[in-house]
């Protein structure tokens, strides 16, 4: 399996404040990584760093691109990372609330298999509301739109920062099915930050746990799922 993402000794944070210390891991093409940890351990900072929204103080982040080439992301602004293949769904969602659902999708779409029509097939609710403004959507529908906006960029790597946070259980189930389809059936690589470890581990290949900005555990998702005592110790949750 070809290596899609390689993070080596990454140090990053906000301004002069360093949050991540020597973070290293890799992800293969078509794989999903569950990024876990207690609150305040650096998970969002890592996602934001991969997307280009923090200050990198050291280390390397390399992304595989078409033709077997690799690009070093450290010097690229966010819009060039998107062009290189990074799709980002931040906690804040960042949809254009003054635009319609369809305008949100067409404004950023790049050529590829993920079109607005494919997003509507994935999320029929959005298809029913394609003429609605972002302000007229529920929280769950806004999250679906945020995922759809990342998909129509046709990325090689999808970054999802707590995509299930604050959503009703029925919407959580719908989004989990969609994420599973995107990664399992469509083969899109993803890194998912989530406070529901069991749900995300079930649809992931790899698991990385952060604590105080450093990696304290790496394994397959299946191995971590099979060790409930370790999972509880790392995250303070019961299986």
Foldseek 3Di string as FASTA:
>chain_A
DAWFKWWFQWWWDADPDTQAGGATDTDRFLFEEEEEFAPPQCPLVVLCVLQANTQTDDTWMWGAAPPRDIDTCNPPHNVVSLLRFEQEQHPVLPFQQAAFLQCSQVVQADDDDLHVVNLCVLPVVCVVRRRPGNVPDDPLVSLSSSVSNSCRSVGQEYEEEASPPPDDPVSSVSVLVSVLCCRVVVSRYYYYYHPPLVSRLVSGQKYFYGGSNYTPDIDTSVVVVVCQVVVCVRHVDGD
